[in-house]
């Protein structure tokens, strides 16, 4: 399982299997530049792999105009 913490919504999701950051963004209906994807203290690019047991923070960075 992969645990996803969404910020600033402060909600938590789990997914049984996601292979890449790009797949995660697709599951969350986000575009590449809509959020920062963070694992520990590392920012992840869309091509990076996600592994079972990872805890990922998705920090939305969309402009509100």
Protein backbone atom coordinates (compact mmCIF):
# COMPACT_ATOMS: atom_id res chain seq x y z
CA UNK A 1 0.00 0.00 0.00
CA UNK A 2 1.04 3.54 -0.72
CA UNK A 3 -0.13 6.27 1.66
CA UNK A 4 -0.87 9.72 0.24
CA UNK A 5 -1.24 12.81 2.44
CA UNK A 6 -3.00 15.66 0.62
CA UNK A 7 -2.16 19.22 1.68
CA UNK A 8 -3.71 21.69 2.38
CA UNK A 9 -6.87 19.52 2.47
CA UNK A 10 -5.37 17.43 5.30
CA UNK A 11 -6.83 14.19 3.99
CA UNK A 12 -5.19 10.79 3.60
CA UNK A 13 -5.66 8.27 0.80
CA UNK A 14 -4.22 4.83 0.20
CA UNK A 15 -3.64 3.07 -3.10
CA UNK A 16 -2.77 -0.61 -3.47
CA UNK A 17 -0.39 -0.05 -6.36
CA UNK A 18 0.97 2.95 -8.22
CA UNK A 19 4.23 2.75 -10.14
CA UNK A 20 5.16 6.35 -10.93
CA UNK A 21 4.44 9.90 -9.84
CA UNK A 22 2.71 10.49 -13.19
CA UNK A 23 0.28 7.64 -12.46
CA UNK A 24 -0.39 9.12 -9.02
CA UNK A 25 -1.16 12.51 -10.54
CA UNK A 26 -3.55 10.82 -12.97
CA UNK A 27 -5.39 9.05 -10.13
CA UNK A 28 -5.77 12.41 -8.34
CA UNK A 29 -6.89 14.19 -11.56
CA UNK A 30 -3.96 16.61 -11.31
CA UNK A 31 -1.61 17.96 -13.95
CA UNK A 32 2.16 17.87 -13.58
CA UNK A 33 2.45 21.47 -12.37
CA UNK A 34 -0.57 21.40 -10.01
CA UNK A 35 1.26 19.91 -7.02
CA UNK A 36 4.60 19.16 -5.41
CA UNK A 37 5.12 15.45 -4.81
CA UNK A 38 7.28 14.83 -1.75
CA UNK A 39 8.73 11.62 -0.30
CA UNK A 40 10.54 12.31 2.96
CA UNK A 41 12.70 15.35 2.23
CA UNK A 42 12.91 14.68 -1.53
CA UNK A 43 10.86 16.30 -4.31
CA UNK A 44 9.84 13.76 -6.93
CA UNK A 45 9.60 14.38 -10.68
CA UNK A 46 6.82 12.74 -12.77
CA UNK A 47 9.12 9.95 -14.00
CA UNK A 48 10.17 8.80 -10.51
CA UNK A 49 9.03 5.42 -9.24
CA UNK A 50 6.85 4.96 -6.17
CA UNK A 51 7.36 1.84 -4.07
CA UNK A 52 5.03 -0.13 -1.78
CA UNK A 53 5.16 1.26 1.74
CA UNK A 54 6.03 4.79 0.57
CA UNK A 55 4.41 7.72 2.34
CA UNK A 56 3.93 10.54 -0.15
CA UNK A 57 2.85 14.12 0.49
CA UNK A 58 0.98 15.86 -2.33
CA UNK A 59 1.09 19.61 -1.73
CA UNK A 60 -1.25 21.51 -4.04
CA UNK A 61 0.33 24.66 -5.45
CA UNK A 62 -2.39 25.94 -7.77
CA UNK A 63 -2.73 29.68 -8.15
CA UNK A 64 -6.01 31.08 -6.92
CA UNK A 65 -5.88 34.13 -9.17
